[in-house]
């Protein structure tokens, strides 16, 4: 998913070397590398009482609010999970969405908290937690949906221009549906998607329904609407979209501890309480049979 900002957050666009900001706890000094680079991240983070995460600035998944606080569904869930395993303070560094995994593997931080979709290609590069949430896809369209776009197949058949975020899964959904590359416009953030739709440069913008509904809520004066949510089709089969937290492949102990605590949050109701302010509901809890292994092998 992917995907990352709009009008009230235009200052969020930062480079891959942006300074860290604190998520909870006292002010911490930003480091150039991750908490546990070169060692056991879990032990090091517990000993230091802190860990460094990566975000992409996409509301409502992981962003910095107007007060300078790093928040969103993923950072807030991560904070609760990490606290339960003995890590109380969290630093955050914002990079462009497409750089989240490369920066993780370059030891700029120790985990990604960005609502990133679990896909086979990404699973080759890093290790995902158990699914944190599931979400459907939707389109942002002009009010009244004049081109009648409700699926990626509609985009292809109507020769419509489509806006997507760079490195987001929606670009692949469009390609699989037969949308020509020339009809897909790639933008860096959510603000740009909104502007492309309102200016009439594209007929629709594709993203998760959660992101688009949040975007419309924050921009009520914009003459746009969100279409009915749906599961995209790839290879003739519906795609179940689920996001998770991302870790380096070498950091197994941290992943195992995190997964155990996240599963507890899912089951005891705390996850819904934490995620609800960001537009998530009980319906976004992953199904019991939806596993990272299945998503990585899809």
Protein backbone atom coordinates (compact mmCIF):
# COMPACT_ATOMS: atom_id res chain seq x y z
CA UNK A 1 0.00 0.00 0.00
CA UNK A 2 1.31 2.67 -0.07
CA UNK A 3 1.89 4.61 -0.41
CA UNK A 4 1.54 9.42 1.55
CA UNK A 5 0.43 12.97 2.35
CA UNK A 6 -2.00 15.79 1.65
CA UNK A 7 -2.65 19.47 2.30
CA UNK A 8 -2.13 19.70 6.05
CA UNK A 9 1.01 17.60 5.85
CA UNK A 10 2.96 19.09 2.99
CA UNK A 11 5.99 19.44 5.21
CA UNK A 12 6.26 15.65 5.61
CA UNK A 13 8.15 15.08 2.39
CA UNK A 14 11.66 14.46 3.60
CA UNK A 15 14.67 12.80 2.11
CA UNK A 16 15.93 9.33 2.93
CA UNK A 17 18.45 10.88 5.29
CA UNK A 18 15.92 12.89 7.27
CA UNK A 19 16.60 13.12 10.99
CA UNK A 20 14.86 10.81 13.42
CA UNK A 21 11.89 11.96 15.43
CA UNK A 22 10.77 10.50 18.70
CA UNK A 23 7.71 8.29 19.11
CA UNK A 24 7.03 8.28 22.84
CA UNK A 25 9.36 8.69 25.77
CA UNK A 26 12.04 11.33 26.32
CA UNK A 27 13.91 12.97 23.49
CA UNK A 28 16.47 10.64 21.98
CA UNK A 29 19.59 11.44 20.00
CA UNK A 30 19.28 10.39 16.36
CA UNK A 31 21.80 7.83 15.19
CA UNK A 32 23.01 7.26 11.64
CA UNK A 33 22.42 3.54 11.88
CA UNK A 34 19.93 1.23 13.50
CA UNK A 35 19.86 0.34 17.18
CA UNK A 36 21.21 -3.14 16.70
CA UNK A 37 23.33 -2.98 13.56
CA UNK A 38 25.84 -5.79 13.68
CA UNK A 39 24.31 -7.69 16.61
CA UNK A 40 21.17 -9.22 18.09
CA UNK A 41 18.68 -6.40 17.57
CA UNK A 42 16.21 -7.65 20.17
CA UNK A 43 18.81 -7.91 22.94
CA UNK A 44 20.43 -4.61 21.99
CA UNK A 45 17.10 -2.78 21.83
CA UNK A 46 16.00 -4.19 25.17
CA UNK A 47 19.29 -3.19 26.73
CA UNK A 48 19.12 0.32 25.30
CA UNK A 49 15.40 0.62 25.91
CA UNK A 50 14.86 1.96 22.41
CA UNK A 51 14.63 0.99 18.75
CA UNK A 52 14.56 2.84 15.44
CA UNK A 53 11.76 2.43 12.89
CA UNK A 54 11.17 3.57 9.33
CA UNK A 55 8.00 5.27 8.11
CA UNK A 56 6.92 6.67 4.74
CA UNK A 57 4.63 9.52 5.75
CA UNK A 58 1.46 7.86 4.42
CA UNK A 59 -1.64 8.70 6.42
CA UNK A 60 -3.14 6.94 8.25
CA UNK A 61 -0.47 4.20 8.29
CA UNK A 62 2.64 6.02 9.53
CA UNK A 63 3.14 9.79 9.48
CA UNK A 64 4.10 12.85 11.48
CA UNK A 65 1.20 14.98 12.66
CA UNK A 66 1.04 18.78 12.87
CA UNK A 67 2.53 18.73 16.37
CA UNK A 68 5.58 16.79 15.19
CA UNK A 69 4.53 13.49 16.73
CA UNK A 70 5.06 10.29 14.76
CA UNK A 71 1.76 8.46 14.74
CA UNK A 72 -0.55 6.36 12.58
CA UNK A 73 -1.83 2.82 12.83
CA UNK A 74 1.54 1.14 12.34
CA UNK A 75 3.67 3.24 14.74
CA UNK A 76 0.99 3.15 17.44
CA UNK A 77 0.52 -0.62 17.17
CA UNK A 78 4.30 -1.06 17.10
CA UNK A 79 4.69 1.09 20.20
CA UNK A 80 2.25 -1.13 22.12
CA UNK A 81 3.91 -4.33 20.90
CA UNK A 82 7.44 -3.14 21.57
CA UNK A 83 6.57 -1.90 25.04
CA UNK A 84 5.20 -5.33 25.88
CA UNK A 85 8.54 -6.93 24.94
CA UNK A 86 10.66 -4.48 26.93
CA UNK A 87 11.38 -1.68 24.45
CA UNK A 88 9.85 1.58 25.64
CA UNK A 89 11.21 4.29 23.34
CA UNK A 90 11.00 4.46 19.57
CA UNK A 91 12.80 6.72 17.11
CA UNK A 92 11.42 7.15 13.60
CA UNK A 93 13.04 8.07 10.31
CA UNK A 94 10.97 8.96 7.25
CA UNK A 95 12.05 7.86 3.77
CA UNK A 96 10.27 7.56 0.44
CA UNK A 97 8.09 4.47 0.25
CA UNK A 98 10.24 2.74 -2.35
CA UNK A 99 13.31 3.15 -0.12
CA UNK A 100 11.80 1.60 3.02
CA UNK A 101 13.23 -1.89 2.54
CA UNK A 102 16.58 -0.80 1.04
CA UNK A 103 17.12 1.58 3.97
CA UNK A 104 16.16 -1.19 6.40
CA UNK A 105 18.71 -3.53 4.87
CA UNK A 106 21.28 -0.72 4.95
CA UNK A 107 20.80 -0.58 8.75
CA UNK A 108 19.29 2.91 8.81
CA UNK A 109 16.65 1.52 11.19
CA UNK A 110 15.53 -1.84 12.55
CA UNK A 111 11.97 -2.26 11.31
CA UNK A 112 9.46 -0.72 8.92
CA UNK A 113 6.16 0.60 10.31
CA UNK A 114 4.32 1.75 7.19
CA UNK A 115 1.39 -0.59 6.59
CA UNK A 116 3.38 -2.24 3.81
CA UNK A 117 1.56 -4.88 1.77
CA UNK A 118 3.01 -8.37 2.06
CA UNK A 119 3.96 -9.50 -1.45
CA UNK A 120 6.18 -12.29 -2.82
CA UNK A 121 8.66 -9.79 -4.28
CA UNK A 122 9.05 -7.96 -0.98
CA UNK A 123 9.34 -11.24 0.91
CA UNK A 124 12.47 -11.95 -1.11
CA UNK A 125 14.07 -8.82 0.29
CA UNK A 126 13.02 -8.88 3.95
CA UNK A 127 10.99 -10.71 6.60
CA UNK A 128 7.41 -9.70 7.34
CA UNK A 129 5.57 -10.03 10.62
CA UNK A 130 2.31 -11.90 10.81
CA UNK A 131 -0.36 -9.89 8.93
CA UNK A 132 -1.19 -6.78 10.92
CA UNK A 133 -4.35 -5.87 9.02
CA UNK A 134 -6.17 -6.54 5.75
CA UNK A 135 -7.70 -3.88 3.52
CA UNK A 136 -9.49 -3.63 0.23
CA UNK A 137 -8.69 -1.38 -2.73
CA UNK A 138 -10.71 1.59 -3.96
CA UNK A 139 -10.48 4.54 -6.33
CA UNK A 140 -10.52 8.25 -5.66
CA UNK A 141 -12.64 9.79 -8.43
CA UNK A 142 -14.33 13.13 -9.21
CA UNK A 143 -17.69 13.55 -7.51
CA UNK A 144 -20.27 11.47 -9.35
CA UNK A 145 -17.59 9.19 -10.86
CA UNK A 146 -18.20 10.49 -14.42
CA UNK A 147 -16.15 7.74 -16.07
CA UNK A 148 -17.82 4.98 -14.06
CA UNK A 149 -14.55 3.50 -12.80
CA UNK A 150 -15.00 0.76 -10.19
CA UNK A 151 -12.30 -1.78 -11.18
CA UNK A 152 -8.88 -1.78 -12.82
CA UNK A 153 -10.53 -3.47 -15.79
CA UNK A 154 -12.72 -0.36 -16.11
CA UNK A 155 -9.60 1.80 -16.25
CA UNK A 156 -8.28 -0.32 -19.11
CA UNK A 157 -11.51 -0.53 -21.12
CA UNK A 158 -12.26 3.18 -20.80
CA UNK A 159 -8.68 4.24 -21.64
CA UNK A 160 -8.69 6.31 -18.47
CA UNK A 161 -5.64 7.91 -16.93
CA UNK A 162 -4.81 6.36 -13.55
CA UNK A 163 -2.79 7.84 -10.69
CA UNK A 164 -0.80 5.56 -8.37
CA UNK A 165 1.92 6.00 -5.79
CA UNK A 166 5.49 5.06 -6.62
CA UNK A 167 6.43 1.49 -5.59
CA UNK A 168 2.85 0.77 -4.46
CA UNK A 169 1.06 -2.48 -5.33
CA UNK A 170 -1.69 -0.70 -7.26
CA UNK A 171 0.68 -0.18 -10.17
CA UNK A 172 0.98 -3.96 -10.51
CA UNK A 173 -2.79 -4.43 -10.25
CA UNK A 174 -3.27 -1.97 -13.11
CA UNK A 175 -0.67 -3.65 -15.30
CA UNK A 176 -2.22 -7.08 -14.74
CA UNK A 177 -5.63 -5.69 -15.71
CA UNK A 178 -4.27 -4.50 -19.04
CA UNK A 179 -3.86 -0.81 -18.29
CA UNK A 180 -1.09 0.47 -20.61
CA UNK A 181 1.96 1.94 -18.92
CA UNK A 182 1.28 5.18 -20.80
CA UNK A 183 -2.05 5.51 -18.96
CA UNK A 184 -0.51 5.15 -15.50
CA UNK A 185 0.85 8.27 -13.86
CA UNK A 186 3.09 7.75 -10.83
CA UNK A 187 3.05 10.31 -8.03
CA UNK A 188 5.18 10.66 -4.87
CA UNK A 189 2.45 11.17 -2.26
CA UNK A 190 -1.25 11.34 -1.47
CA UNK A 191 -1.42 15.11 -1.90
CA UNK A 192 -0.27 14.70 -5.48
CA UNK A 193 -2.89 11.99 -6.10
CA UNK A 194 -5.62 14.28 -4.82
CA UNK A 195 -4.42 17.18 -6.94
CA UNK A 196 -4.24 14.99 -10.06
CA UNK A 197 -7.87 13.93 -9.62
CA UNK A 198 -9.24 17.37 -8.75
CA UNK A 199 -7.35 18.98 -11.65
CA UNK A 200 -8.73 16.42 -14.10
CA UNK A 201 -5.31 15.10 -15.07
CA UNK A 202 -6.46 11.55 -14.25
CA UNK A 203 -9.82 9.84 -14.12
CA UNK A 204 -9.03 8.00 -10.90
CA UNK A 205 -6.37 7.35 -8.27
CA UNK A 206 -5.94 3.87 -6.78
CA UNK A 207 -5.00 3.11 -3.18
CA UNK A 208 -6.38 1.23 -0.18
CA UNK A 209 -9.89 2.20 0.82
CA UNK A 210 -8.58 3.11 4.28
CA UNK A 211 -6.11 5.66 2.87
CA UNK A 212 -8.60 7.19 0.45
CA UNK A 213 -11.42 7.51 2.97
CA UNK A 214 -9.01 9.19 5.39
CA UNK A 215 -7.84 11.49 2.59
CA UNK A 216 -11.39 12.58 1.76
CA UNK A 217 -12.21 13.12 5.43
CA UNK A 218 -9.23 15.47 5.75
CA UNK A 219 -10.14 17.30 2.52
CA UNK A 220 -13.91 17.68 2.74
CA UNK A 221 -13.99 20.65 0.38
CA UNK A 222 -12.44 18.63 -2.47
CA UNK A 223 -14.96 17.63 -5.14
CA UNK A 224 -14.08 13.93 -4.98
CA UNK A 225 -15.43 10.65 -3.66
CA UNK A 226 -14.23 7.12 -2.94
CA UNK A 227 -15.64 4.19 -4.90
CA UNK A 228 -16.93 0.95 -3.43
CA UNK A 229 -14.09 -1.16 -2.00
CA UNK A 230 -13.05 -4.33 -3.82
CA UNK A 231 -10.42 -7.05 -4.04
CA UNK A 232 -8.25 -6.63 -7.17
CA UNK A 233 -7.93 -9.56 -9.57
CA UNK A 234 -4.55 -10.92 -10.66
CA UNK A 235 -4.14 -14.06 -12.72
CA UNK A 236 -7.89 -14.51 -12.65
CA UNK A 237 -7.95 -14.73 -8.86
CA UNK A 238 -8.98 -12.10 -6.29
CA UNK A 239 -6.05 -10.69 -4.35
CA UNK A 240 -6.38 -10.47 -0.58
CA UNK A 241 -4.36 -7.47 0.49
CA UNK A 242 -2.70 -7.51 3.90
CA UNK A 243 0.01 -5.39 5.45
CA UNK A 244 2.61 -6.06 8.08
CA UNK A 245 5.76 -4.87 9.79
CA UNK A 246 9.07 -5.48 8.04
CA UNK A 247 12.38 -6.69 9.44
CA UNK A 248 15.79 -7.75 8.16
CA UNK A 249 16.05 -11.45 7.40
CA UNK A 250 18.79 -11.85 10.01
CA UNK A 251 16.64 -10.54 12.86
CA UNK A 252 14.64 -13.68 13.62
CA UNK A 253 14.49 -13.29 17.43
CA UNK A 254 12.98 -9.80 17.10
CA UNK A 255 10.43 -11.02 14.56
CA UNK A 256 9.38 -13.94 16.76
CA UNK A 257 8.95 -11.79 19.86
CA UNK A 258 7.08 -9.13 17.89
CA UNK A 259 4.75 -11.68 16.24
CA UNK A 260 3.81 -13.24 19.57
CA UNK A 261 2.95 -9.87 21.09
CA UNK A 262 1.09 -8.66 17.98
CA UNK A 263 -1.02 -11.81 17.93
CA UNK A 264 -1.97 -11.12 21.55
CA UNK A 265 -3.06 -7.58 20.63
CA UNK A 266 -5.20 -8.96 17.81
CA UNK A 267 -6.93 -11.42 20.12
CA UNK A 268 -7.47 -9.32 23.25
CA UNK A 269 -9.15 -6.36 21.55
CA UNK A 270 -6.32 -3.90 22.07
CA UNK A 271 -5.49 -3.76 18.37
CA UNK A 272 -8.95 -2.48 17.44
CA UNK A 273 -8.78 0.15 20.19
CA UNK A 274 -5.39 1.36 18.94
CA UNK A 275 -6.22 1.26 15.22
CA UNK A 276 -9.78 2.62 15.30
CA UNK A 277 -8.80 6.32 15.44
CA UNK A 278 -7.06 5.80 12.10
CA UNK A 279 -10.09 4.40 10.28
CA UNK A 280 -9.57 0.70 10.97
CA UNK A 281 -12.33 -1.56 12.29
CA UNK A 282 -12.79 -5.14 13.44
CA UNK A 283 -13.30 -6.00 9.76
CA UNK A 284 -9.66 -5.12 9.10
CA UNK A 285 -8.35 -7.82 11.43
CA UNK A 286 -6.69 -10.51 9.28
CA UNK A 287 -8.61 -13.76 8.90
CA UNK A 288 -7.23 -16.62 10.98
CA UNK A 289 -6.16 -18.53 7.87
CA UNK A 290 -4.41 -15.54 6.29
CA UNK A 291 -0.72 -16.11 6.94
CA UNK A 292 2.49 -14.42 5.91
CA UNK A 293 3.63 -17.70 4.38
CA UNK A 294 0.60 -17.76 2.07
CA UNK A 295 0.98 -14.13 1.11
CA UNK A 296 4.68 -14.56 0.38
CA UNK A 297 3.95 -17.57 -1.82
CA UNK A 298 0.97 -16.05 -3.66
